[in-house]
Amino acid sequence: MKKLILNIALVLALVVSVSCRETKEGAEEAADKIENAAEEAGEAMEDAVDEAGEAMEDAADSAEEAMEDTKDAVEEAADSVKEGAEDAMDKAADAIDDAKEKGADALNDAADKMKNN
């Protein structure tokens, strides 16, 4: 009977020992999985921050390019208006000169007619 009780106690001790070892291994495995998941989440956050920073830099570059393009377009429009105004002034001056010439010719014709009469 003593042997039976000792054998039962030994078997129980063995079962408890194996069970504790399995629980410990399971806990270590779970801790490793949690650690890996945390590392992956951290890396994903770092990647997201990097991508957001790059996107902001790209947006700033695009805005700067748009501003430069707008400035160039305004300068070109101003030059075009200036050229148009200069052309209009030249045409007006030419028209005035033509009118002067025609007026002078008309006066000369009138004077010639008066002389001939």
PDB file of N, CA and C in Angstrom:
ATOM      1  N   MET A   1       0.803  -1.161   0.000  1.00  0.00           N
ATOM      2  CA  MET A   1       0.000   0.000   0.000  1.00  0.00           C
ATOM      3  C   MET A   1       0.869   1.256   0.000  1.00  0.00           C
ATOM      4  N   LYS A   2       1.945   1.175   0.778  1.00  0.00           N
ATOM      5  CA  LYS A   2       2.850   2.296   0.787  1.00  0.00           C
ATOM      6  C   LYS A   2       3.425   2.516  -0.613  1.00  0.00           C
ATOM      7  N   LYS A   3       3.781   1.431  -1.270  1.00  0.00           N
ATOM      8  CA  LYS A   3       4.339   1.542  -2.603  1.00  0.00           C
ATOM      9  C   LYS A   3       3.299   2.135  -3.559  1.00  0.00           C
ATOM     10  N   LEU A   4       2.086   1.735  -3.377  1.00  0.00           N
ATOM     11  CA  LEU A   4       1.015   2.235  -4.234  1.00  0.00           C
ATOM     12  C   LEU A   4       0.842   3.738  -4.037  1.00  0.00           C
ATOM     13  N   ILE A   5       0.830   4.172  -2.812  1.00  0.00           N
ATOM     14  CA  ILE A   5       0.669   5.594  -2.510  1.00  0.00           C
ATOM     15  C   ILE A   5       1.892   6.359  -3.011  1.00  0.00           C
ATOM     16  N   LEU A   6       3.079   5.791  -2.817  1.00  0.00           N
ATOM     17  CA  LEU A   6       4.283   6.449  -3.299  1.00  0.00           C
ATOM     18  C   LEU A   6       4.286   6.516  -4.831  1.00  0.00           C
ATOM     19  N   ASN A   7       3.857   5.439  -5.484  1.00  0.00           N
ATOM     20  CA  ASN A   7       3.781   5.427  -6.953  1.00  0.00           C
ATOM     21  C   ASN A   7       2.765   6.448  -7.452  1.00  0.00           C
ATOM     22  N   ILE A   8       1.633   6.548  -6.764  1.00  0.00           N
ATOM     23  CA  ILE A   8       0.612   7.525  -7.161  1.00  0.00           C
ATOM     24  C   ILE A   8       1.162   8.941  -6.975  1.00  0.00           C
ATOM     25  N   ALA A   9       1.854   9.174  -5.861  1.00  0.00           N
ATOM     26  CA  ALA A   9       2.435  10.490  -5.596  1.00  0.00           C
ATOM     27  C   ALA A   9       3.496  10.806  -6.643  1.00  0.00           C
ATOM     28  N   LEU A  10       4.277   9.786  -7.006  1.00  0.00           N
ATOM     29  CA  LEU A  10       5.305   9.989  -8.023  1.00  0.00           C
ATOM     30  C   LEU A  10       4.685  10.313  -9.374  1.00  0.00           C
ATOM     31  N   VAL A  11       3.623   9.603  -9.745  1.00  0.00           N
ATOM     32  CA  VAL A  11       2.935   9.850 -11.013  1.00  0.00           C
ATOM     33  C   VAL A  11       2.322  11.247 -11.001  1.00  0.00           C
ATOM     34  N   LEU A  12       1.709  11.654  -9.903  1.00  0.00           N
ATOM     35  CA  LEU A  12       1.121  12.995  -9.798  1.00  0.00           C
ATOM     36  C   LEU A  12       2.214  14.070  -9.912  1.00  0.00           C
ATOM     37  N   ALA A  13       3.333  13.831  -9.259  1.00  0.00           N
ATOM     38  CA  ALA A  13       4.425  14.791  -9.327  1.00  0.00           C
ATOM     39  C   ALA A  13       4.944  14.916 -10.758  1.00  0.00           C
ATOM     40  N   LEU A  14       5.019  13.781 -11.443  1.00  0.00           N
ATOM     41  CA  LEU A  14       5.471  13.765 -12.835  1.00  0.00           C
ATOM     42  C   LEU A  14       4.484  14.508 -13.725  1.00  0.00           C
ATOM     43  N   VAL A  15       3.197  14.273 -13.528  1.00  0.00           N
ATOM     44  CA  VAL A  15       2.155  14.939 -14.326  1.00  0.00           C
ATOM     45  C   VAL A  15       2.198  16.442 -14.096  1.00  0.00           C
ATOM     46  N   VAL A  16       2.310  16.845 -12.837  1.00  0.00           N
ATOM     47  CA  VAL A  16       2.362  18.276 -12.516  1.00  0.00           C
ATOM     48  C   VAL A  16       3.607  18.897 -13.141  1.00  0.00           C
ATOM     49  N   SER A  17       4.731  18.182 -13.062  1.00  0.00           N
ATOM     50  CA  SER A  17       5.987  18.689 -13.617  1.00  0.00           C
ATOM     51  C   SER A  17       5.870  18.879 -15.122  1.00  0.00           C
ATOM     52  N   VAL A  18       5.327  17.866 -15.825  1.00  0.00           N
ATOM     53  CA  VAL A  18       5.167  17.948 -17.284  1.00  0.00           C
ATOM     54  C   VAL A  18       4.172  19.045 -17.637  1.00  0.00           C
ATOM     55  N   SER A  19       3.091  19.117 -16.882  1.00  0.00           N
ATOM     56  CA  SER A  19       2.067  20.128 -17.144  1.00  0.00           C
ATOM     57  C   SER A  19       2.636  21.537 -16.969  1.00  0.00           C
ATOM     58  N   CYS A  20       3.430  21.758 -15.926  1.00  0.00           N
ATOM     59  CA  CYS A  20       4.048  23.066 -15.700  1.00  0.00           C
ATOM     60  C   CYS A  20       5.018  23.415 -16.818  1.00  0.00           C
ATOM     61  N   ARG A  21       5.776  22.409 -17.272  1.00  0.00           N
ATOM     62  CA  ARG A  21       6.735  22.640 -18.343  1.00  0.00           C
ATOM     63  C   ARG A  21       5.998  23.039 -19.622  1.00  0.00           C
ATOM     64  N   GLU A  22       4.888  22.357 -19.936  1.00  0.00           N
ATOM     65  CA  GLU A  22       4.115  22.688 -21.130  1.00  0.00           C
ATOM     66  C   GLU A  22       3.498  24.079 -21.020  1.00  0.00           C
ATOM     67  N   THR A  23       3.009  24.406 -19.828  1.00  0.00           N
ATOM     68  CA  THR A  23       2.425  25.731 -19.614  1.00  0.00           C
ATOM     69  C   THR A  23       3.482  26.807 -19.782  1.00  0.00           C
ATOM     70  N   LYS A  24       4.677  26.537 -19.239  1.00  0.00           N
ATOM     71  CA  LYS A  24       5.772  27.497 -19.355  1.00  0.00           C
ATOM     72  C   LYS A  24       6.162  27.682 -20.814  1.00  0.00           C
ATOM     73  N   GLU A  25       6.249  26.594 -21.559  1.00  0.00           N
ATOM     74  CA  GLU A  25       6.598  26.670 -22.978  1.00  0.00           C
ATOM     75  C   GLU A  25       5.518  27.417 -23.754  1.00  0.00           C
ATOM     76  N   GLY A  26       4.266  27.139 -23.415  1.00  0.00           N
ATOM     77  CA  GLY A  26       3.163  27.844 -24.082  1.00  0.00           C
ATOM     78  C   GLY A  26       3.197  29.335 -23.777  1.00  0.00           C
ATOM     79  N   ALA A  27       3.504  29.679 -22.543  1.00  0.00           N
ATOM     80  CA  ALA A  27       3.585  31.089 -22.157  1.00  0.00           C
ATOM     81  C   ALA A  27       4.741  31.768 -22.877  1.00  0.00           C
ATOM     82  N   GLU A  28       5.885  31.095 -22.985  1.00  0.00           N
ATOM     83  CA  GLU A  28       7.029  31.662 -23.687  1.00  0.00           C
ATOM     84  C   GLU A  28       6.717  31.860 -25.165  1.00  0.00           C
ATOM     85  N   GLU A  29       6.024  30.887 -25.741  1.00  0.00           N
ATOM     86  CA  GLU A  29       5.654  30.990 -27.152  1.00  0.00           C
ATOM     87  C   GLU A  29       4.690  32.155 -27.358  1.00  0.00           C
ATOM     88  N   ALA A  30       3.722  32.302 -26.467  1.00  0.00           N
ATOM     89  CA  ALA A  30       2.775  33.417 -26.557  1.00  0.00           C
ATOM     90  C   ALA A  30       3.505  34.752 -26.397  1.00  0.00           C
ATOM     91  N   ALA A  31       4.455  34.796 -25.459  1.00  0.00           N
ATOM     92  CA  ALA A  31       5.223  36.031 -25.257  1.00  0.00           C
ATOM     93  C   ALA A  31       6.041  36.369 -26.509  1.00  0.00           C
ATOM     94  N   ASP A  32       6.613  35.355 -27.141  1.00  0.00           N
ATOM     95  CA  ASP A  32       7.373  35.581 -28.377  1.00  0.00           C
ATOM     96  C   ASP A  32       6.468  36.125 -29.481  1.00  0.00           C
ATOM     97  N   LYS A  33       5.273  35.552 -29.583  1.00  0.00           N
ATOM     98  CA  LYS A  33       4.329  36.012 -30.610  1.00  0.00           C
ATOM     99  C   LYS A  33       3.907  37.450 -30.352  1.00  0.00           C
ATOM    100  N   ILE A  34       3.679  37.775 -29.081  1.00  0.00           N
ATOM    101  CA  ILE A  34       3.306  39.148 -28.740  1.00  0.00           C
ATOM    102  C   ILE A  34       4.445  40.103 -29.060  1.00  0.00           C
ATOM    103  N   GLU A  35       5.663  39.705 -28.728  1.00  0.00           N
ATOM    104  CA  GLU A  35       6.828  40.538 -29.005  1.00  0.00           C
ATOM    105  C   GLU A  35       6.987  40.751 -30.510  1.00  0.00           C
ATOM    106  N   ASN A  36       6.837  39.686 -31.296  1.00  0.00           N
ATOM    107  CA  ASN A  36       6.952  39.796 -32.748  1.00  0.00           C
ATOM    108  C   ASN A  36       5.868  40.714 -33.313  1.00  0.00           C
ATOM    109  N   ALA A  37       4.645  40.555 -32.806  1.00  0.00           N
ATOM    110  CA  ALA A  37       3.544  41.396 -33.284  1.00  0.00           C
ATOM    111  C   ALA A  37       3.809  42.860 -32.942  1.00  0.00           C
ATOM    112  N   ALA A  38       4.336  43.110 -31.751  1.00  0.00           N
ATOM    113  CA  ALA A  38       4.649  44.484 -31.347  1.00  0.00           C
ATOM    114  C   ALA A  38       5.739  45.069 -32.240  1.00  0.00           C
ATOM    115  N   GLU A  39       6.767  44.275 -32.556  1.00  0.00           N
ATOM    116  CA  GLU A  39       7.835  44.747 -33.437  1.00  0.00           C
ATOM    117  C   GLU A  39       7.294  45.059 -34.825  1.00  0.00           C
ATOM    118  N   GLU A  40       6.431  44.184 -35.342  1.00  0.00           N
ATOM    119  CA  GLU A  40       5.849  44.415 -36.663  1.00  0.00           C
ATOM    120  C   GLU A  40       4.975  45.664 -36.659  1.00  0.00           C
ATOM    121  N   ALA A  41       4.210  45.852 -35.585  1.00  0.00           N
ATOM    122  CA  ALA A  41       3.379  47.051 -35.493  1.00  0.00           C
ATOM    123  C   ALA A  41       4.250  48.301 -35.442  1.00  0.00           C
ATOM    124  N   GLY A  42       5.347  48.238 -34.693  1.00  0.00           N
ATOM    125  CA  GLY A  42       6.273  49.373 -34.625  1.00  0.00           C
ATOM    126  C   GLY A  42       6.884  49.681 -35.981  1.00  0.00           C
ATOM    127  N   GLU A  43       7.283  48.642 -36.693  1.00  0.00           N
ATOM    128  CA  GLU A  43       7.862  48.839 -38.024  1.00  0.00           C
ATOM    129  C   GLU A  43       6.824  49.417 -38.979  1.00  0.00           C
ATOM    130  N   ALA A  44       5.594  48.924 -38.878  1.00  0.00           N
ATOM    131  CA  ALA A  44       4.528  49.448 -39.741  1.00  0.00           C
ATOM    132  C   ALA A  44       4.279  50.926 -39.449  1.00  0.00           C
ATOM    133  N   MET A  45       4.321  51.298 -38.170  1.00  0.00           N
ATOM    134  CA  MET A  45       4.128  52.705 -37.814  1.00  0.00           C
ATOM    135  C   MET A  45       5.269  53.557 -38.351  1.00  0.00           C
ATOM    136  N   GLU A  46       6.498  53.060 -38.241  1.00  0.00           N
ATOM    137  CA  GLU A  46       7.648  53.799 -38.773  1.00  0.00           C
ATOM    138  C   GLU A  46       7.520  53.977 -40.284  1.00  0.00           C
ATOM    139  N   ASP A  47       7.103  52.908 -40.971  1.00  0.00           N
ATOM    140  CA  ASP A  47       6.914  52.994 -42.421  1.00  0.00           C
ATOM    141  C   ASP A  47       5.829  54.010 -42.760  1.00  0.00           C
ATOM    142  N   ALA A  48       4.740  54.002 -41.999  1.00  0.00           N
ATOM    143  CA  ALA A  48       3.652  54.946 -42.252  1.00  0.00           C
ATOM    144  C   ALA A  48       4.115  56.383 -42.038  1.00  0.00           C
ATOM    145  N   VAL A  49       4.905  56.607 -41.001  1.00  0.00           N
ATOM    146  CA  VAL A  49       5.438  57.957 -40.746  1.00  0.00           C
ATOM    147  C   VAL A  49       6.361  58.378 -41.880  1.00  0.00           C
ATOM    148  N   ASP A  50       7.219  57.457 -42.330  1.00  0.00           N
ATOM    149  CA  ASP A  50       8.120  57.779 -43.443  1.00  0.00           C
ATOM    150  C   ASP A  50       7.330  58.120 -44.704  1.00  0.00           C
ATOM    151  N   GLU A  51       6.325  57.319 -44.999  1.00  0.00           N
ATOM    152  CA  GLU A  51       5.508  57.559 -46.196  1.00  0.00           C
ATOM    153  C   GLU A  51       4.750  58.876 -46.087  1.00  0.00           C
ATOM    154  N   ALA A  52       4.247  59.178 -44.896  1.00  0.00           N
ATOM    155  CA  ALA A  52       3.545  60.447 -44.709  1.00  0.00           C
ATOM    156  C   ALA A  52       4.502  61.618 -44.910  1.00  0.00           C
ATOM    157  N   GLY A  53       5.722  61.479 -44.399  1.00  0.00           N
ATOM    158  CA  GLY A  53       6.721  62.530 -44.590  1.00  0.00           C
ATOM    159  C   GLY A  53       7.062  62.723 -46.056  1.00  0.00           C
ATOM    160  N   GLU A  54       7.222  61.622 -46.761  1.00  0.00           N
ATOM    161  CA  GLU A  54       7.517  61.711 -48.193  1.00  0.00           C
ATOM    162  C   GLU A  54       6.353  62.345 -48.945  1.00  0.00           C
ATOM    163  N   ALA A  55       5.131  61.975 -48.570  1.00  0.00           N
ATOM    164  CA  ALA A  55       3.952  62.549 -49.227  1.00  0.00           C
ATOM    165  C   ALA A  55       3.884  64.058 -48.985  1.00  0.00           C
ATOM    166  N   MET A  56       4.227  64.478 -47.768  1.00  0.00           N
ATOM    167  CA  MET A  56       4.221  65.912 -47.474  1.00  0.00           C
ATOM    168  C   MET A  56       5.291  66.634 -48.279  1.00  0.00           C
ATOM    169  N   GLU A  57       6.459  66.025 -48.406  1.00  0.00           N
ATOM    170  CA  GLU A  57       7.527  66.634 -49.212  1.00  0.00           C
ATOM    171  C   GLU A  57       7.100  66.734 -50.672  1.00  0.00           C
ATOM    172  N   ASP A  58       6.476  65.670 -51.178  1.00  0.00           N
ATOM    173  CA  ASP A  58       5.999  65.689 -52.564  1.00  0.00           C
ATOM    174  C   ASP A  58       4.944  66.780 -52.765  1.00  0.00           C
ATOM    175  N   ALA A  59       4.043  66.908 -51.797  1.00  0.00           N
ATOM    176  CA  ALA A  59       3.004  67.936 -51.889  1.00  0.00           C
ATOM    177  C   ALA A  59       3.624  69.332 -51.872  1.00  0.00           C
ATOM    178  N   ALA A  60       4.625  69.530 -51.021  1.00  0.00           N
ATOM    179  CA  ALA A  60       5.301  70.831 -50.959  1.00  0.00           C
ATOM    180  C   ALA A  60       6.007  71.122 -52.284  1.00  0.00           C
ATOM    181  N   ASP A  61       6.652  70.111 -52.845  1.00  0.00           N
ATOM    182  CA  ASP A  61       7.330  70.293 -54.134  1.00  0.00           C
ATOM    183  C   ASP A  61       6.328  70.635 -55.229  1.00  0.00           C
ATOM    184  N   SER A  62       5.201  69.930 -55.235  1.00  0.00           N
ATOM    185  CA  SER A  62       4.168  70.193 -56.239  1.00  0.00           C
ATOM    186  C   SER A  62       3.611  71.604 -56.092  1.00  0.00           C
ATOM    187  N   ALA A  63       3.384  72.031 -54.854  1.00  0.00           N
ATOM    188  CA  ALA A  63       2.873  73.385 -54.623  1.00  0.00           C
ATOM    189  C   ALA A  63       3.876  74.425 -55.100  1.00  0.00           C
ATOM    190  N   GLU A  64       5.149  74.179 -54.828  1.00  0.00           N
ATOM    191  CA  GLU A  64       6.183  75.114 -55.270  1.00  0.00           C
ATOM    192  C   GLU A  64       6.240  75.189 -56.789  1.00  0.00           C
ATOM    193  N   GLU A  65       6.150  74.035 -57.440  1.00  0.00           N
ATOM    194  CA  GLU A  65       6.157  74.014 -58.905  1.00  0.00           C
ATOM    195  C   GLU A  65       4.945  74.744 -59.462  1.00  0.00           C
ATOM    196  N   ALA A  66       3.789  74.538 -58.832  1.00  0.00           N
ATOM    197  CA  ALA A  66       2.570  75.215 -59.291  1.00  0.00           C
ATOM    198  C   ALA A  66       2.708  76.729 -59.142  1.00  0.00           C
ATOM    199  N   MET A  67       3.301  77.159 -58.042  1.00  0.00           N
ATOM    200  CA  MET A  67       3.503  78.593 -57.840  1.00  0.00           C
ATOM    201  C   MET A  67       4.453  79.158 -58.889  1.00  0.00           C
ATOM    202  N   GLU A  68       5.512  78.424 -59.194  1.00  0.00           N
ATOM    203  CA  GLU A  68       6.456  78.887 -60.213  1.00  0.00           C
ATOM    204  C   GLU A  68       5.791  78.937 -61.583  1.00  0.00           C
ATOM    205  N   ASP A  69       4.977  77.911 -61.893  1.00  0.00           N
ATOM    206  CA  ASP A  69       4.259  77.904 -63.172  1.00  0.00           C
ATOM    207  C   ASP A  69       3.290  79.081 -63.260  1.00  0.00           C
ATOM    208  N   THR A  70       2.612  79.368 -62.155  1.00  0.00           N
ATOM    209  CA  THR A  70       1.672  80.492 -62.128  1.00  0.00           C
ATOM    210  C   THR A  70       2.413  81.804 -62.324  1.00  0.00           C
ATOM    211  N   LYS A  71       3.546  81.946 -61.659  1.00  0.00           N
ATOM    212  CA  LYS A  71       4.358  83.162 -61.806  1.00  0.00           C
ATOM    213  C   LYS A  71       4.785  83.329 -63.258  1.00  0.00           C
ATOM    214  N   ASP A  72       5.251  82.233 -63.870  1.00  0.00           N
ATOM    215  CA  ASP A  72       5.677  82.295 -65.270  1.00  0.00           C
ATOM    216  C   ASP A  72       4.514  82.681 -66.178  1.00  0.00           C
ATOM    217  N   ALA A  73       3.340  82.108 -65.910  1.00  0.00           N
ATOM    218  CA  ALA A  73       2.169  82.414 -66.736  1.00  0.00           C
ATOM    219  C   ALA A  73       1.772  83.881 -66.592  1.00  0.00           C
ATOM    220  N   VAL A  74       1.833  84.405 -65.372  1.00  0.00           N
ATOM    221  CA  VAL A  74       1.497  85.816 -65.157  1.00  0.00           C
ATOM    222  C   VAL A  74       2.499  86.707 -65.880  1.00  0.00           C
ATOM    223  N   GLU A  75       3.787  86.359 -65.788  1.00  0.00           N
ATOM    224  CA  GLU A  75       4.803  87.155 -66.478  1.00  0.00           C
ATOM    225  C   GLU A  75       4.594  87.114 -67.987  1.00  0.00           C
ATOM    226  N   GLU A  76       4.270  85.937 -68.515  1.00  0.00           N
ATOM    227  CA  GLU A  76       4.026  85.820 -69.953  1.00  0.00           C
ATOM    228  C   GLU A  76       2.795  86.627 -70.358  1.00  0.00           C
ATOM    229  N   ALA A  77       1.748  86.581 -69.539  1.00  0.00           N
ATOM    230  CA  ALA A  77       0.539  87.348 -69.842  1.00  0.00           C
ATOM    231  C   ALA A  77       0.845  88.842 -69.813  1.00  0.00           C
ATOM    232  N   ALA A  78       1.625  89.276 -68.827  1.00  0.00           N
ATOM    233  CA  ALA A  78       1.984  90.696 -68.746  1.00  0.00           C
ATOM    234  C   ALA A  78       2.797  91.109 -69.966  1.00  0.00           C
ATOM    235  N   ASP A  79       3.730  90.273 -70.367  1.00  0.00           N
ATOM    236  CA  ASP A  79       4.530  90.571 -71.561  1.00  0.00           C
ATOM    237  C   ASP A  79       3.640  90.652 -72.795  1.00  0.00           C
ATOM    238  N   SER A  80       2.691  89.737 -72.887  1.00  0.00           N
ATOM    239  CA  SER A  80       1.788  89.718 -74.032  1.00  0.00           C
ATOM    240  C   SER A  80       0.929  90.981 -74.069  1.00  0.00           C
ATOM    241  N   VAL A  81       0.432  91.393 -72.911  1.00  0.00           N
ATOM    242  CA  VAL A  81      -0.377  92.619 -72.848  1.00  0.00           C
ATOM    243  C   VAL A  81       0.468  93.826 -73.228  1.00  0.00           C
ATOM    244  N   LYS A  82       1.693  93.849 -72.723  1.00  0.00           N
ATOM    245  CA  LYS A  82       2.600  94.961 -73.036  1.00  0.00           C
ATOM    246  C   LYS A  82       2.872  95.018 -74.532  1.00  0.00           C
ATOM    247  N   GLU A  83       3.156  93.844 -75.119  1.00  0.00           N
ATOM    248  CA  GLU A  83       3.414  93.797 -76.560  1.00  0.00           C
ATOM    249  C   GLU A  83       2.183  94.234 -77.349  1.00  0.00           C
ATOM    250  N   GLY A  84       1.015  93.778 -76.885  1.00  0.00           N
ATOM    251  CA  GLY A  84      -0.228  94.177 -77.562  1.00  0.00           C
ATOM    252  C   GLY A  84      -0.447  95.675 -77.484  1.00  0.00           C
ATOM    253  N   ALA A  85      -0.169  96.250 -76.322  1.00  0.00           N
ATOM    254  CA  ALA A  85      -0.333  97.701 -76.166  1.00  0.00           C
ATOM    255  C   ALA A  85       0.659  98.444 -77.054  1.00  0.00           C
ATOM    256  N   GLU A  86       1.891  97.948 -77.116  1.00  0.00           N
ATOM    257  CA  GLU A  86       2.901  98.585 -77.972  1.00  0.00           C
ATOM    258  C   GLU A  86       2.493  98.499 -79.440  1.00  0.00           C
ATOM    259  N   ASP A  87       1.970  97.336 -79.849  1.00  0.00           N
ATOM    260  CA  ASP A  87       1.500  97.187 -81.233  1.00  0.00           C
ATOM    261  C   ASP A  87       0.352  98.149 -81.525  1.00  0.00           C
ATOM    262  N   ALA A  88      -0.570  98.268 -80.570  1.00  0.00           N
ATOM    263  CA  ALA A  88      -1.708  99.164 -80.762  1.00  0.00           C
ATOM    264  C   ALA A  88      -1.233 100.611 -80.871  1.00  0.00           C
ATOM    265  N   MET A  89      -0.252 100.978 -80.050  1.00  0.00           N
ATOM    266  CA  MET A  89       0.283 102.346 -80.114  1.00  0.00           C
ATOM    267  C   MET A  89       0.985 102.586 -81.444  1.00  0.00           C
ATOM    268  N   ASP A  90       1.727 101.581 -81.917  1.00  0.00           N
ATOM    269  CA  ASP A  90       2.400 101.719 -83.214  1.00  0.00           C
ATOM    270  C   ASP A  90       1.381 101.892 -84.340  1.00  0.00           C
ATOM    271  N   LYS A  91       0.319 101.090 -84.285  1.00  0.00           N
ATOM    272  CA  LYS A  91      -0.726 101.198 -85.315  1.00  0.00           C
ATOM    273  C   LYS A  91      -1.426 102.551 -85.247  1.00  0.00           C
ATOM    274  N   ALA A  92      -1.671 103.013 -84.027  1.00  0.00           N
ATOM    275  CA  ALA A  92      -2.303 104.326 -83.882  1.00  0.00           C
ATOM    276  C   ALA A  92      -1.389 105.413 -84.435  1.00  0.00           C
ATOM    277  N   ALA A  93      -0.103 105.326 -84.162  1.00  0.00           N
ATOM    278  CA  ALA A  93       0.857 106.317 -84.677  1.00  0.00           C
ATOM    279  C   ALA A  93       0.893 106.266 -86.196  1.00  0.00           C
ATOM    280  N   ASP A  94       0.865 105.047 -86.752  1.00  0.00           N
ATOM    281  CA  ASP A  94       0.853 104.908 -88.214  1.00  0.00           C
ATOM    282  C   ASP A  94      -0.426 105.519 -88.796  1.00  0.00           C
ATOM    283  N   ALA A  95      -1.550 105.302 -88.138  1.00  0.00           N
ATOM    284  CA  ALA A  95      -2.817 105.848 -88.616  1.00  0.00           C
ATOM    285  C   ALA A  95      -2.793 107.371 -88.559  1.00  0.00           C
ATOM    286  N   ILE A  96      -2.195 107.923 -87.514  1.00  0.00           N
ATOM    287  CA  ILE A  96      -2.092 109.383 -87.404  1.00  0.00           C
ATOM    288  C   ILE A  96      -1.206 109.929 -88.516  1.00  0.00           C
ATOM    289  N   ASP A  97      -0.078 109.235 -88.747  1.00  0.00           N
ATOM    290  CA  ASP A  97       0.819 109.671 -89.827  1.00  0.00           C
ATOM    291  C   ASP A  97       0.104 109.615 -91.181  1.00  0.00           C
ATOM    292  N   ASP A  98      -0.658 108.528 -91.416  1.00  0.00           N
ATOM    293  CA  ASP A  98      -1.411 108.409 -92.673  1.00  0.00           C
ATOM    294  C   ASP A  98      -2.440 109.526 -92.782  1.00  0.00           C
ATOM    295  N   ALA A  99      -3.094 109.830 -91.681  1.00  0.00           N
ATOM    296  CA  ALA A  99      -4.099 110.902 -91.704  1.00  0.00           C
ATOM    297  C   ALA A  99      -3.439 112.245 -91.991  1.00  0.00           C
ATOM    298  N   LYS A 100      -2.261 112.476 -91.403  1.00  0.00           N
ATOM    299  CA  LYS A 100      -1.529 113.727 -91.669  1.00  0.00           C
ATOM    300  C   LYS A 100      -1.176 113.831 -93.142  1.00  0.00           C
ATOM    301  N   GLU A 101      -0.683 112.711 -93.694  1.00  0.00           N
ATOM    302  CA  GLU A 101      -0.295 112.711 -95.104  1.00  0.00           C
ATOM    303  C   GLU A 101      -1.507 112.973 -95.997  1.00  0.00           C
ATOM    304  N   LYS A 102      -2.598 112.305 -95.701  1.00  0.00           N
ATOM    305  CA  LYS A 102      -3.807 112.499 -96.518  1.00  0.00           C
ATOM    306  C   LYS A 102      -4.335 113.923 -96.373  1.00  0.00           C
ATOM    307  N   GLY A 103      -4.273 114.447 -95.157  1.00  0.00           N
ATOM    308  CA  GLY A 103      -4.710 115.840 -94.954  1.00  0.00           C
ATOM    309  C   GLY A 103      -3.820 116.810 -95.703  1.00  0.00           C
ATOM    310  N   ALA A 104      -2.511 116.557 -95.641  1.00  0.00           N
ATOM    311  CA  ALA A 104      -1.571 117.424 -96.359  1.00  0.00           C
ATOM    312  C   ALA A 104      -1.810 117.325 -97.856  1.00  0.00           C
ATOM    313  N   ASP A 105      -2.052 116.101 -98.343  1.00  0.00           N
ATOM    314  CA  ASP A 105      -2.317 115.926 -99.784  1.00  0.00           C
ATOM    315  C   ASP A 105      -3.607 116.647-100.166  1.00  0.00           C
ATOM    316  N   ALA A 106      -4.600 116.538 -99.315  1.00  0.00           N
ATOM    317  CA  ALA A 106      -5.879 117.212 -99.617  1.00  0.00           C
ATOM    318  C   ALA A 106      -5.702 118.720 -99.634  1.00  0.00           C
ATOM    319  N   LEU A 107      -4.907 119.252 -98.708  1.00  0.00           N
ATOM    320  CA  LEU A 107      -4.657 120.695 -98.695  1.00  0.00           C
ATOM    321  C   LEU A 107      -3.880 121.117 -99.932  1.00  0.00           C
ATOM    322  N   ASN A 108      -2.911 120.325-100.294  1.00  0.00           N
ATOM    323  CA  ASN A 108      -2.128 120.642-101.517  1.00  0.00           C
ATOM    324  C   ASN A 108      -3.009 120.585-102.753  1.00  0.00           C
ATOM    325  N   ASP A 109      -3.889 119.599-102.836  1.00  0.00           N
ATOM    326  CA  ASP A 109      -4.812 119.512-103.975  1.00  0.00           C
ATOM    327  C   ASP A 109      -5.733 120.726-104.019  1.00  0.00           C
ATOM    328  N   ALA A 110      -6.214 121.111-102.818  1.00  0.00           N
ATOM    329  CA  ALA A 110      -7.100 122.262-102.748  1.00  0.00           C
ATOM    330  C   ALA A 110      -6.347 123.539-103.157  1.00  0.00           C
ATOM    331  N   ALA A 111      -5.111 123.656-102.706  1.00  0.00           N
ATOM    332  CA  ALA A 111      -4.312 124.832-103.062  1.00  0.00           C
ATOM    333  C   ALA A 111      -4.034 124.871-104.543  1.00  0.00           C
ATOM    334  N   ASP A 112      -3.758 123.692-105.132  1.00  0.00           N
ATOM    335  CA  ASP A 112      -3.515 123.628-106.572  1.00  0.00           C
ATOM    336  C   ASP A 112      -4.769 124.029-107.341  1.00  0.00           C
ATOM    337  N   LYS A 113      -5.921 123.621-106.903  1.00  0.00           N
ATOM    338  CA  LYS A 113      -7.166 123.966-107.560  1.00  0.00           C
ATOM    339  C   LYS A 113      -7.419 125.452-107.462  1.00  0.00           C
ATOM    340  N   MET A 114      -7.079 126.038-106.336  1.00  0.00           N
ATOM    341  CA  MET A 114      -7.276 127.471-106.161  1.00  0.00           C
ATOM    342  C   MET A 114      -6.339 128.254-107.079  1.00  0.00           C
ATOM    343  N   LYS A 115      -5.150 127.741-107.232  1.00  0.00           N
ATOM    344  CA  LYS A 115      -4.178 128.412-108.103  1.00  0.00           C
ATOM    345  C   LYS A 115      -4.631 128.317-109.556  1.00  0.00           C
ATOM    346  N   ASN A 116      -5.189 127.218-109.913  1.00  0.00           N
ATOM    347  CA  ASN A 116      -5.618 126.985-111.293  1.00  0.00           C
ATOM    348  C   ASN A 116      -6.899 127.755-111.595  1.00  0.00           C
ATOM    349  N   ASN A 117      -7.634 128.140-110.674  1.00  0.00           N
ATOM    350  CA  ASN A 117      -8.879 128.864-110.929  1.00  0.00           C
ATOM    351  C   ASN A 117      -8.615 130.286-111.033  1.00  0.00           C
TER     352      ASN A 117
END
